[in-house]
Amino acid sequence: DGGGQKSRQLKSGVPERLHFGNVQVHEKRSMELCLRNTGTWSFDYLFNLKSKSKSSAYDLRQGDVKPFITVTPKRDVAAKNEETKIRIDYTPLETHVLDGTQLVLEIQSGGDKIKYTLDLTGRAKRPEVDFSFKNYDFGHCFVKRGGGRAAVNTGEADIGEVSSFDNRVELLVSNRDTVDVLLSSNFQRTPVFD
């Protein structure tokens, strides 16, 4: 239900489409399934992921390789008269098309397997942003341990006076995309970089 989709009931043997929409690379889109067991006994279930381009099933524990899908829990027991919540995450790490990928829920029923198929669709693309520069050389800089500007002797002032170096530059980011883009960084702000 993560993409604003309404609840619907799956039928065995009838493929159902699960649309993740358009996402950006490194964005996470989640859907939730509710597996309701109204039977007399508990049963085991298992999810398998298949692609039209590959004949073998993917390892759903990873999620960091194509098709970037993770199912939690992938395998479990659905207790009788209970509802089991299952989360499906699409977290693409590169530009990617999910179309043609199938998620198959298998339920062991006696000697038979009942299968429910979800046809996954969606696309991931990199945000269309421009940077005014991609690297910048500040040249030689003096940095004082603990942060702040270093005390330097410029020849014109007493030793210990802080010189004002012009080691500052502004990075301009332009959003050329049709949607808002969130920029984040793992950069730790310290007084040296103020």
N, C-alpha and C. Protein backbone atom coordinates (compact mmCIF):
# COMPACT_ATOMS: atom_id res chain seq x y z
N ASP A 1 0.82 -1.19 0.00
CA ASP A 1 0.00 0.00 0.00
C ASP A 1 0.86 1.25 0.00
N GLY A 2 2.18 1.14 -0.19
CA GLY A 2 3.10 2.28 -0.11
C GLY A 2 2.94 3.27 -1.23
N GLY A 3 2.46 2.86 -2.40
CA GLY A 3 2.34 3.78 -3.52
C GLY A 3 0.95 4.35 -3.66
N GLY A 4 0.18 4.38 -2.59
CA GLY A 4 -1.17 4.91 -2.65
C GLY A 4 -2.14 3.93 -3.29
N GLN A 5 -1.74 2.68 -3.43
CA GLN A 5 -2.60 1.68 -4.02
C GLN A 5 -3.59 1.17 -2.99
N LYS A 6 -4.78 0.82 -3.45
CA LYS A 6 -5.82 0.33 -2.54
C LYS A 6 -5.63 -1.15 -2.27
N SER A 7 -6.24 -1.61 -1.19
CA SER A 7 -6.18 -3.03 -0.86
C SER A 7 -6.94 -3.83 -1.91
N ARG A 8 -6.40 -5.00 -2.23
CA ARG A 8 -7.07 -5.90 -3.15
C ARG A 8 -6.70 -7.32 -2.79
N GLN A 9 -7.54 -8.25 -3.16
CA GLN A 9 -7.34 -9.64 -2.81
C GLN A 9 -6.70 -10.37 -3.98
N LEU A 10 -5.64 -11.15 -3.67
CA LEU A 10 -4.97 -11.92 -4.71
C LEU A 10 -5.68 -13.26 -4.91
N LYS A 11 -5.64 -13.75 -6.15
CA LYS A 11 -6.23 -15.04 -6.47
C LYS A 11 -5.14 -15.95 -7.03
N SER A 12 -5.17 -17.17 -6.59
CA SER A 12 -4.18 -18.15 -7.06
C SER A 12 -4.31 -18.33 -8.57
N GLY A 13 -3.16 -18.31 -9.27
CA GLY A 13 -3.15 -18.52 -10.72
C GLY A 13 -3.48 -17.29 -11.53
N VAL A 14 -3.85 -16.18 -10.88
CA VAL A 14 -4.17 -14.95 -11.60
C VAL A 14 -3.12 -13.89 -11.23
N PRO A 15 -2.21 -13.56 -12.17
CA PRO A 15 -1.17 -12.57 -11.86
C PRO A 15 -1.78 -11.20 -11.50
N GLU A 16 -1.21 -10.56 -10.53
CA GLU A 16 -1.66 -9.23 -10.08
C GLU A 16 -0.48 -8.28 -10.23
N ARG A 17 -0.73 -7.07 -10.69
CA ARG A 17 0.34 -6.10 -10.90
C ARG A 17 0.59 -5.31 -9.62
N LEU A 18 1.87 -5.14 -9.28
CA LEU A 18 2.28 -4.33 -8.14
C LEU A 18 3.21 -3.25 -8.68
N HIS A 19 2.71 -2.01 -8.74
CA HIS A 19 3.41 -0.92 -9.40
C HIS A 19 4.13 -0.04 -8.37
N PHE A 20 5.46 0.03 -8.48
CA PHE A 20 6.26 0.86 -7.58
C PHE A 20 6.42 2.29 -8.09
N GLY A 21 6.00 2.54 -9.32
CA GLY A 21 6.08 3.89 -9.87
C GLY A 21 7.49 4.29 -10.25
N ASN A 22 7.68 5.59 -10.41
CA ASN A 22 9.00 6.13 -10.75
C ASN A 22 9.70 6.56 -9.47
N VAL A 23 10.88 6.04 -9.25
CA VAL A 23 11.66 6.39 -8.07
C VAL A 23 13.04 6.86 -8.52
N GLN A 24 13.72 7.54 -7.63
CA GLN A 24 15.08 7.97 -7.92
C GLN A 24 16.06 6.93 -7.37
N VAL A 25 17.22 6.88 -7.97
CA VAL A 25 18.27 5.99 -7.50
C VAL A 25 18.53 6.30 -6.02
N HIS A 26 18.66 5.30 -5.20
CA HIS A 26 18.86 5.36 -3.74
C HIS A 26 17.61 5.75 -2.96
N GLU A 27 16.49 5.91 -3.63
CA GLU A 27 15.22 6.16 -2.93
C GLU A 27 14.63 4.79 -2.57
N LYS A 28 13.80 4.76 -1.55
CA LYS A 28 13.18 3.50 -1.13
C LYS A 28 11.67 3.62 -1.26
N ARG A 29 11.06 2.66 -1.94
CA ARG A 29 9.61 2.60 -2.06
C ARG A 29 9.18 1.27 -1.48
N SER A 30 8.20 1.27 -0.58
CA SER A 30 7.77 0.05 0.10
C SER A 30 6.30 -0.22 -0.14
N MET A 31 5.98 -1.49 -0.18
CA MET A 31 4.59 -1.96 -0.26
C MET A 31 4.40 -2.97 0.87
N GLU A 32 3.17 -3.10 1.32
CA GLU A 32 2.90 -4.06 2.38
C GLU A 32 1.82 -5.02 1.93
N LEU A 33 2.08 -6.31 2.16
CA LEU A 33 1.09 -7.34 1.90
C LEU A 33 0.61 -7.89 3.23
N CYS A 34 -0.65 -8.25 3.29
CA CYS A 34 -1.20 -8.91 4.47
C CYS A 34 -1.64 -10.30 4.05
N LEU A 35 -1.01 -11.29 4.65
CA LEU A 35 -1.35 -12.68 4.37
C LEU A 35 -2.27 -13.14 5.49
N ARG A 36 -3.53 -13.35 5.15
CA ARG A 36 -4.54 -13.72 6.15
C ARG A 36 -4.82 -15.22 6.06
N ASN A 37 -4.60 -15.91 7.18
CA ASN A 37 -4.84 -17.35 7.24
C ASN A 37 -6.15 -17.59 7.99
N THR A 38 -7.20 -17.91 7.25
CA THR A 38 -8.50 -18.18 7.87
C THR A 38 -8.75 -19.68 7.98
N GLY A 39 -7.70 -20.46 7.70
CA GLY A 39 -7.84 -21.92 7.72
C GLY A 39 -7.74 -22.49 9.13
N THR A 40 -7.76 -23.81 9.17
CA THR A 40 -7.73 -24.54 10.44
C THR A 40 -6.31 -24.75 10.94
N TRP A 41 -5.32 -24.76 10.03
CA TRP A 41 -3.94 -25.02 10.41
C TRP A 41 -3.03 -23.88 9.97
N SER A 42 -1.90 -23.78 10.63
CA SER A 42 -0.85 -22.85 10.19
C SER A 42 -0.19 -23.43 8.95
N PHE A 43 0.40 -22.58 8.12
CA PHE A 43 1.09 -23.07 6.93
C PHE A 43 2.37 -22.28 6.68
N ASP A 44 3.32 -22.92 5.98
CA ASP A 44 4.57 -22.28 5.59
C ASP A 44 4.36 -21.54 4.28
N TYR A 45 5.06 -20.43 4.16
CA TYR A 45 5.04 -19.73 2.88
C TYR A 45 6.47 -19.31 2.52
N LEU A 46 6.67 -19.05 1.24
CA LEU A 46 7.99 -18.69 0.71
C LEU A 46 7.80 -17.78 -0.50
N PHE A 47 8.63 -16.74 -0.59
CA PHE A 47 8.62 -15.85 -1.75
C PHE A 47 9.82 -16.16 -2.63
N ASN A 48 9.60 -16.19 -3.94
CA ASN A 48 10.67 -16.31 -4.93
C ASN A 48 10.54 -15.17 -5.91
N LEU A 49 11.66 -14.65 -6.35
CA LEU A 49 11.70 -13.54 -7.29
C LEU A 49 12.28 -14.03 -8.60
N LYS A 50 11.59 -13.75 -9.70
CA LYS A 50 12.04 -14.20 -11.01
C LYS A 50 12.01 -13.03 -11.98
N SER A 51 12.93 -13.07 -12.92
CA SER A 51 13.00 -12.03 -13.94
C SER A 51 12.83 -12.68 -15.31
N LYS A 52 12.25 -11.94 -16.25
CA LYS A 52 12.10 -12.51 -17.59
C LYS A 52 13.46 -12.66 -18.27
N SER A 53 14.46 -11.92 -17.79
CA SER A 53 15.78 -12.00 -18.40
C SER A 53 16.66 -13.08 -17.79
N LYS A 54 16.26 -13.62 -16.63
CA LYS A 54 17.05 -14.67 -15.98
C LYS A 54 16.13 -15.82 -15.62
N SER A 55 16.63 -17.02 -15.77
CA SER A 55 15.79 -18.18 -15.48
C SER A 55 15.86 -18.56 -14.00
N SER A 56 16.94 -18.20 -13.32
CA SER A 56 17.07 -18.59 -11.91
C SER A 56 16.43 -17.55 -10.99
N ALA A 57 16.08 -18.01 -9.81
CA ALA A 57 15.48 -17.11 -8.82
C ALA A 57 16.56 -16.26 -8.15
N TYR A 58 16.19 -15.08 -7.74
CA TYR A 58 17.10 -14.17 -7.05
C TYR A 58 17.11 -14.46 -5.56
N ASP A 59 18.16 -14.04 -4.91
CA ASP A 59 18.25 -14.14 -3.46
C ASP A 59 17.61 -12.90 -2.86
N LEU A 60 16.46 -13.06 -2.23
CA LEU A 60 15.71 -11.91 -1.72
C LEU A 60 16.30 -11.31 -0.45
N ARG A 61 17.28 -11.96 0.15
CA ARG A 61 17.87 -11.40 1.37
C ARG A 61 18.80 -10.25 1.05
N GLN A 62 19.32 -10.23 -0.18
CA GLN A 62 20.33 -9.24 -0.53
C GLN A 62 19.72 -7.87 -0.78
N GLY A 63 18.95 -7.72 -1.83
CA GLY A 63 18.35 -6.43 -2.15
C GLY A 63 19.32 -5.43 -2.74
N ASP A 64 20.64 -5.74 -2.73
CA ASP A 64 21.60 -4.80 -3.26
C ASP A 64 22.08 -5.19 -4.66
N VAL A 65 21.44 -6.19 -5.24
CA VAL A 65 21.71 -6.56 -6.63
C VAL A 65 20.39 -6.50 -7.38
N LYS A 66 20.49 -6.34 -8.70
CA LYS A 66 19.26 -6.24 -9.48
C LYS A 66 18.39 -7.44 -9.19
N PRO A 67 17.13 -7.27 -9.03
CA PRO A 67 16.28 -6.11 -9.26
C PRO A 67 16.06 -5.22 -8.04
N PHE A 68 16.92 -5.28 -7.04
CA PHE A 68 16.88 -4.38 -5.88
C PHE A 68 15.60 -4.52 -5.06
N ILE A 69 15.10 -5.74 -4.98
CA ILE A 69 13.88 -6.02 -4.21
C ILE A 69 14.25 -6.82 -2.97
N THR A 70 13.68 -6.43 -1.84
CA THR A 70 13.86 -7.17 -0.59
C THR A 70 12.48 -7.47 -0.03
N VAL A 71 12.26 -8.72 0.38
CA VAL A 71 11.00 -9.13 0.98
C VAL A 71 11.28 -9.53 2.43
N THR A 72 10.51 -8.96 3.35
CA THR A 72 10.71 -9.24 4.78
C THR A 72 9.38 -9.61 5.42
N PRO A 73 9.21 -10.80 5.98
CA PRO A 73 10.12 -11.95 5.89
C PRO A 73 9.91 -12.69 4.57
N LYS A 74 10.98 -13.26 4.07
CA LYS A 74 10.94 -14.00 2.81
C LYS A 74 10.26 -15.36 3.01
N ARG A 75 10.52 -15.97 4.15
CA ARG A 75 9.99 -17.30 4.46
C ARG A 75 9.55 -17.28 5.91
N ASP A 76 8.35 -17.82 6.18
CA ASP A 76 7.86 -17.83 7.56
C ASP A 76 6.67 -18.77 7.65
N VAL A 77 6.02 -18.73 8.80
CA VAL A 77 4.82 -19.52 9.03
C VAL A 77 3.66 -18.55 9.23
N ALA A 78 2.59 -18.77 8.51
CA ALA A 78 1.37 -17.97 8.70
C ALA A 78 0.50 -18.71 9.71
N ALA A 79 0.39 -18.15 10.91
CA ALA A 79 -0.38 -18.79 11.99
C ALA A 79 -1.87 -18.78 11.65
N LYS A 80 -2.56 -19.84 12.10
CA LYS A 80 -4.00 -19.93 11.81
C LYS A 80 -4.74 -18.79 12.50
N ASN A 81 -5.77 -18.31 11.83
CA ASN A 81 -6.61 -17.22 12.30
C ASN A 81 -5.84 -15.94 12.61
N GLU A 82 -4.73 -15.74 11.91
CA GLU A 82 -3.92 -14.53 12.11
C GLU A 82 -3.59 -13.90 10.77
N GLU A 83 -3.11 -12.66 10.86
CA GLU A 83 -2.69 -11.92 9.68
C GLU A 83 -1.19 -11.70 9.78
N THR A 84 -0.46 -12.01 8.72
CA THR A 84 0.99 -11.83 8.68
C THR A 84 1.31 -10.67 7.76
N LYS A 85 2.05 -9.69 8.27
CA LYS A 85 2.44 -8.52 7.46
C LYS A 85 3.77 -8.83 6.77
N ILE A 86 3.82 -8.52 5.49
CA ILE A 86 5.01 -8.75 4.68
C ILE A 86 5.35 -7.45 3.96
N ARG A 87 6.61 -7.01 4.08
CA ARG A 87 7.02 -5.75 3.46
C ARG A 87 7.90 -6.05 2.24
N ILE A 88 7.60 -5.36 1.15
CA ILE A 88 8.38 -5.47 -0.08
C ILE A 88 9.01 -4.11 -0.33
N ASP A 89 10.34 -4.06 -0.36
CA ASP A 89 11.07 -2.81 -0.57
C ASP A 89 11.75 -2.82 -1.92
N TYR A 90 11.62 -1.71 -2.64
CA TYR A 90 12.35 -1.51 -3.90
C TYR A 90 13.32 -0.37 -3.62
N THR A 91 14.62 -0.69 -3.58
CA THR A 91 15.65 0.29 -3.27
C THR A 91 16.74 0.21 -4.34
N PRO A 92 16.51 0.81 -5.51
CA PRO A 92 17.48 0.70 -6.60
C PRO A 92 18.76 1.49 -6.33
N LEU A 93 19.89 0.89 -6.66
CA LEU A 93 21.19 1.52 -6.47
C LEU A 93 21.74 2.09 -7.77
N GLU A 94 21.01 1.90 -8.85
CA GLU A 94 21.40 2.44 -10.16
C GLU A 94 20.15 2.55 -11.02
N THR A 95 20.28 3.18 -12.19
CA THR A 95 19.16 3.29 -13.11
C THR A 95 18.68 1.88 -13.45
N HIS A 96 17.36 1.69 -13.40
CA HIS A 96 16.85 0.32 -13.49
C HIS A 96 15.39 0.31 -13.91
N VAL A 97 14.99 -0.74 -14.65
CA VAL A 97 13.58 -0.96 -15.00
C VAL A 97 13.17 -2.28 -14.36
N LEU A 98 12.15 -2.23 -13.54
CA LEU A 98 11.68 -3.39 -12.80
C LEU A 98 10.72 -4.25 -13.62
N ASP A 99 10.14 -3.70 -14.67
CA ASP A 99 9.14 -4.40 -15.49
C ASP A 99 9.65 -5.78 -15.92
N GLY A 100 8.77 -6.78 -15.86
CA GLY A 100 9.13 -8.13 -16.25
C GLY A 100 9.58 -8.99 -15.08
N THR A 101 9.69 -8.39 -13.90
CA THR A 101 10.09 -9.14 -12.71
C THR A 101 8.84 -9.65 -12.02
N GLN A 102 8.89 -10.90 -11.58
CA GLN A 102 7.74 -11.50 -10.88
C GLN A 102 8.14 -11.92 -9.47
N LEU A 103 7.24 -11.65 -8.55
CA LEU A 103 7.38 -12.11 -7.17
C LEU A 103 6.32 -13.18 -6.98
N VAL A 104 6.76 -14.39 -6.63
CA VAL A 104 5.84 -15.52 -6.52
C VAL A 104 5.77 -15.96 -5.06
N LEU A 105 4.56 -15.97 -4.52
CA LEU A 105 4.29 -16.47 -3.17
C LEU A 105 3.86 -17.92 -3.30
N GLU A 106 4.61 -18.81 -2.64
CA GLU A 106 4.28 -20.23 -2.67
C GLU A 106 3.83 -20.67 -1.28
N ILE A 107 2.68 -21.34 -1.25
CA ILE A 107 2.12 -21.87 0.00
C ILE A 107 1.99 -23.38 -0.16
N GLN A 108 2.61 -24.07 0.77
CA GLN A 108 2.53 -25.54 0.74
C GLN A 108 1.17 -25.97 1.28
N SER A 109 0.42 -26.70 0.49
CA SER A 109 -0.90 -27.17 0.90
C SER A 109 -0.97 -28.67 0.64
N GLY A 110 -0.73 -29.46 1.68
CA GLY A 110 -0.66 -30.90 1.49
C GLY A 110 0.51 -31.23 0.60
N GLY A 111 0.28 -31.96 -0.48
CA GLY A 111 1.34 -32.29 -1.43
C GLY A 111 1.45 -31.28 -2.55
N ASP A 112 0.57 -30.30 -2.58
CA ASP A 112 0.56 -29.31 -3.65
C ASP A 112 1.09 -27.97 -3.17
N LYS A 113 1.46 -27.13 -4.15
CA LYS A 113 1.86 -25.76 -3.85
C LYS A 113 0.85 -24.83 -4.51
N ILE A 114 0.35 -23.91 -3.72
CA ILE A 114 -0.54 -22.88 -4.27
C ILE A 114 0.35 -21.67 -4.53
N LYS A 115 0.24 -21.10 -5.74
CA LYS A 115 1.10 -19.98 -6.12
C LYS A 115 0.28 -18.73 -6.41
N TYR A 116 0.79 -17.61 -5.89
CA TYR A 116 0.23 -16.29 -6.16
C TYR A 116 1.34 -15.48 -6.81
N THR A 117 1.04 -14.88 -7.95
CA THR A 117 2.07 -14.17 -8.71
C THR A 117 1.80 -12.68 -8.73
N LEU A 118 2.85 -11.91 -8.42
CA LEU A 118 2.81 -10.46 -8.51
C LEU A 118 3.76 -10.02 -9.62
N ASP A 119 3.22 -9.35 -10.63
CA ASP A 119 4.04 -8.77 -11.69
C ASP A 119 4.49 -7.39 -11.21
N LEU A 120 5.80 -7.22 -11.00
CA LEU A 120 6.33 -5.97 -10.48
C LEU A 120 6.67 -5.02 -11.62
N THR A 121 6.30 -3.78 -11.46
CA THR A 121 6.64 -2.75 -12.44
C THR A 121 7.17 -1.53 -11.70
N GLY A 122 7.95 -0.74 -12.40
CA GLY A 122 8.50 0.48 -11.84
C GLY A 122 9.83 0.81 -12.51
N ARG A 123 10.27 2.02 -12.29
CA ARG A 123 11.52 2.48 -12.90
C ARG A 123 12.29 3.34 -11.91
N ALA A 124 13.61 3.25 -12.02
CA ALA A 124 14.47 4.10 -11.20
C ALA A 124 15.39 4.88 -12.13
N LYS A 125 15.56 6.15 -11.83
CA LYS A 125 16.47 6.98 -12.62
C LYS A 125 17.23 7.92 -11.70
N ARG A 126 18.35 8.36 -12.19
CA ARG A 126 19.14 9.32 -11.43
C ARG A 126 18.48 10.69 -11.54
N PRO A 127 18.55 11.49 -10.47
CA PRO A 127 17.98 12.83 -10.55
C PRO A 127 18.75 13.68 -11.57
N GLU A 128 18.04 14.54 -12.24
CA GLU A 128 18.66 15.41 -13.24
C GLU A 128 19.05 16.72 -12.58
N VAL A 129 20.22 16.71 -11.97
CA VAL A 129 20.74 17.91 -11.32
C VAL A 129 22.10 18.25 -11.92
N ASP A 130 22.39 19.55 -11.96
CA ASP A 130 23.69 20.04 -12.45
C ASP A 130 24.41 20.71 -11.30
N PHE A 131 25.72 20.49 -11.22
CA PHE A 131 26.56 21.12 -10.22
C PHE A 131 27.45 22.15 -10.92
N SER A 132 27.68 23.27 -10.27
CA SER A 132 28.52 24.31 -10.88
C SER A 132 29.95 23.83 -11.05
N PHE A 133 30.38 22.88 -10.26
CA PHE A 133 31.67 22.21 -10.44
C PHE A 133 31.61 20.86 -9.74
N LYS A 134 32.46 19.95 -10.18
CA LYS A 134 32.48 18.62 -9.57
C LYS A 134 33.69 18.41 -8.68
N ASN A 135 34.71 19.23 -8.83
CA ASN A 135 35.84 19.23 -7.90
C ASN A 135 36.42 20.63 -7.85
N TYR A 136 37.10 20.91 -6.77
CA TYR A 136 37.67 22.25 -6.58
C TYR A 136 38.95 22.12 -5.78
N ASP A 137 40.00 22.78 -6.23
CA ASP A 137 41.29 22.76 -5.55
C ASP A 137 41.46 24.06 -4.78
N PHE A 138 41.44 23.96 -3.46
CA PHE A 138 41.61 25.15 -2.62
C PHE A 138 43.07 25.58 -2.53
N GLY A 139 43.95 24.80 -3.08
CA GLY A 139 45.37 25.13 -2.98
C GLY A 139 45.89 24.82 -1.59
N HIS A 140 47.04 25.41 -1.26
CA HIS A 140 47.63 25.18 0.06
C HIS A 140 46.86 25.94 1.12
N CYS A 141 46.48 25.25 2.18
CA CYS A 141 45.73 25.86 3.27
C CYS A 141 46.36 25.43 4.59
N PHE A 142 46.31 26.31 5.57
CA PHE A 142 46.76 25.98 6.90
C PHE A 142 45.54 25.65 7.73
N VAL A 143 45.58 24.53 8.39
CA VAL A 143 44.45 24.12 9.22
C VAL A 143 44.96 23.89 10.63
N LYS A 144 44.29 24.49 11.59
CA LYS A 144 44.67 24.36 12.99
C LYS A 144 43.97 23.15 13.58
N ARG A 145 44.68 22.36 14.37
CA ARG A 145 44.09 21.21 15.02
C ARG A 145 42.95 21.68 15.91
N GLY A 146 41.82 20.99 15.86
CA GLY A 146 40.67 21.38 16.68
C GLY A 146 39.73 22.32 15.94
N GLY A 147 40.06 22.70 14.73
CA GLY A 147 39.16 23.54 13.93
C GLY A 147 39.51 25.00 13.99
N GLY A 148 38.78 25.80 13.27
CA GLY A 148 39.01 27.24 13.23
C GLY A 148 40.13 27.58 12.27
N ARG A 149 40.39 28.87 12.12
CA ARG A 149 41.46 29.32 11.23
C ARG A 149 42.79 29.28 11.96
N ALA A 150 43.82 29.01 11.23
CA ALA A 150 45.15 28.95 11.82
C ALA A 150 45.70 30.35 12.02
N ALA A 151 46.50 30.52 13.06
CA ALA A 151 47.18 31.78 13.30
C ALA A 151 48.40 31.83 12.40
N VAL A 152 48.57 32.91 11.64
CA VAL A 152 49.66 33.02 10.68
C VAL A 152 50.32 34.38 10.78
N ASN A 153 51.56 34.42 10.48
CA ASN A 153 52.28 35.68 10.44
C ASN A 153 52.31 36.15 9.00
N THR A 154 51.61 37.23 8.71
CA THR A 154 51.55 37.74 7.35
C THR A 154 52.62 38.78 7.10
N GLY A 155 53.36 39.14 8.14
CA GLY A 155 54.39 40.16 7.98
C GLY A 155 53.87 41.54 8.28
N GLU A 156 52.56 41.72 8.29
CA GLU A 156 51.98 43.03 8.52
C GLU A 156 51.27 43.13 9.85
N ALA A 157 51.13 42.01 10.56
CA ALA A 157 50.40 42.03 11.82
C ALA A 157 51.20 41.27 12.86
N ASP A 158 50.77 41.38 14.10
CA ASP A 158 51.42 40.63 15.17
C ASP A 158 51.18 39.15 14.97
N ILE A 159 52.13 38.35 15.46
CA ILE A 159 51.95 36.90 15.39
C ILE A 159 50.73 36.53 16.22
N GLY A 160 49.90 35.65 15.69
CA GLY A 160 48.69 35.24 16.39
C GLY A 160 47.44 35.85 15.81
N GLU A 161 47.56 36.88 14.98
CA GLU A 161 46.38 37.47 14.36
C GLU A 161 45.89 36.56 13.24
N VAL A 162 44.60 36.40 13.19
CA VAL A 162 44.02 35.53 12.17
C VAL A 162 43.96 36.27 10.85
N SER A 163 44.56 35.67 9.83
CA SER A 163 44.53 36.25 8.49
C SER A 163 43.27 35.79 7.79
N SER A 164 42.69 36.64 6.98
CA SER A 164 41.47 36.23 6.28
C SER A 164 41.85 35.72 4.89
N PHE A 165 41.92 34.42 4.78
CA PHE A 165 42.19 33.80 3.49
C PHE A 165 40.90 33.76 2.70
N ASP A 166 41.04 33.81 1.40
CA ASP A 166 39.85 33.73 0.55
C ASP A 166 39.70 32.29 0.06
N ASN A 167 39.55 31.37 1.00
CA ASN A 167 39.40 29.95 0.68
C ASN A 167 37.95 29.52 0.81
N ARG A 168 37.08 30.24 0.17
CA ARG A 168 35.65 29.96 0.24
C ARG A 168 35.09 29.93 -1.18
N VAL A 169 34.25 28.96 -1.44
CA VAL A 169 33.64 28.85 -2.76
C VAL A 169 32.21 28.33 -2.56
N GLU A 170 31.32 28.74 -3.43
CA GLU A 170 29.93 28.28 -3.35
C GLU A 170 29.66 27.26 -4.45
N LEU A 171 29.07 26.17 -4.05
CA LEU A 171 28.65 25.14 -4.99
C LEU A 171 27.18 25.40 -5.32
N LEU A 172 26.88 25.59 -6.59
CA LEU A 172 25.51 25.83 -7.02
C LEU A 172 24.95 24.54 -7.62
N VAL A 173 23.77 24.15 -7.16
CA VAL A 173 23.12 22.95 -7.65
C VAL A 173 21.82 23.37 -8.33
N SER A 174 21.64 22.96 -9.58
CA SER A 174 20.43 23.29 -10.34
C SER A 174 19.62 22.03 -10.58
N ASN A 175 18.34 22.08 -10.23
CA ASN A 175 17.45 20.96 -10.44
C ASN A 175 16.81 21.08 -11.82
N ARG A 176 17.17 20.15 -12.71
CA ARG A 176 16.63 20.13 -14.08
C ARG A 176 15.54 19.07 -14.21
N ASP A 177 15.19 18.46 -13.09
CA ASP A 177 14.20 17.38 -13.10
C ASP A 177 12.79 17.96 -13.04
N THR A 178 11.80 17.13 -13.28
CA THR A 178 10.40 17.55 -13.23
C THR A 178 9.82 17.43 -11.82
N VAL A 179 10.60 16.82 -10.91
CA VAL A 179 10.15 16.66 -9.53
C VAL A 179 11.21 17.23 -8.58
N ASP A 180 10.80 17.51 -7.35
CA ASP A 180 11.75 17.98 -6.35
C ASP A 180 12.78 16.90 -6.07
N VAL A 181 13.99 17.34 -5.77
CA VAL A 181 15.09 16.43 -5.49
C VAL A 181 15.64 16.76 -4.11
N LEU A 182 15.81 15.73 -3.30
CA LEU A 182 16.38 15.91 -1.97
C LEU A 182 17.87 15.65 -2.06
N LEU A 183 18.67 16.64 -1.64
CA LEU A 183 20.12 16.47 -1.61
C LEU A 183 20.54 16.20 -0.19
N SER A 184 21.33 15.18 0.00
CA SER A 184 21.85 14.90 1.33
C SER A 184 23.33 14.55 1.19
N SER A 185 24.03 14.61 2.29
CA SER A 185 25.46 14.35 2.27
C SER A 185 25.85 13.68 3.57
N ASN A 186 26.91 12.89 3.53
CA ASN A 186 27.43 12.32 4.76
C ASN A 186 28.57 13.18 5.31
N PHE A 187 28.70 14.39 4.78
CA PHE A 187 29.71 15.35 5.20
C PHE A 187 29.45 15.79 6.64
N GLN A 188 30.48 15.73 7.47
CA GLN A 188 30.35 16.16 8.87
C GLN A 188 30.85 17.59 8.97
N ARG A 189 29.98 18.48 9.34
CA ARG A 189 30.36 19.88 9.45
C ARG A 189 31.25 20.10 10.67
N THR A 190 32.39 20.74 10.46
CA THR A 190 33.31 21.07 11.54
C THR A 190 33.72 22.53 11.38
N PRO A 191 34.26 23.16 12.41
CA PRO A 191 34.66 24.57 12.31
C PRO A 191 35.68 24.83 11.19
N VAL A 192 36.45 23.81 10.83
CA VAL A 192 37.45 23.98 9.75
C VAL A 192 36.76 24.32 8.44
N PHE A 193 35.58 23.76 8.23
CA PHE A 193 34.87 23.95 6.97
C PHE A 193 33.74 24.96 7.09
N ASP A 194 33.77 25.81 8.06
CA ASP A 194 32.72 26.81 8.24
C ASP A 194 32.84 27.92 7.25
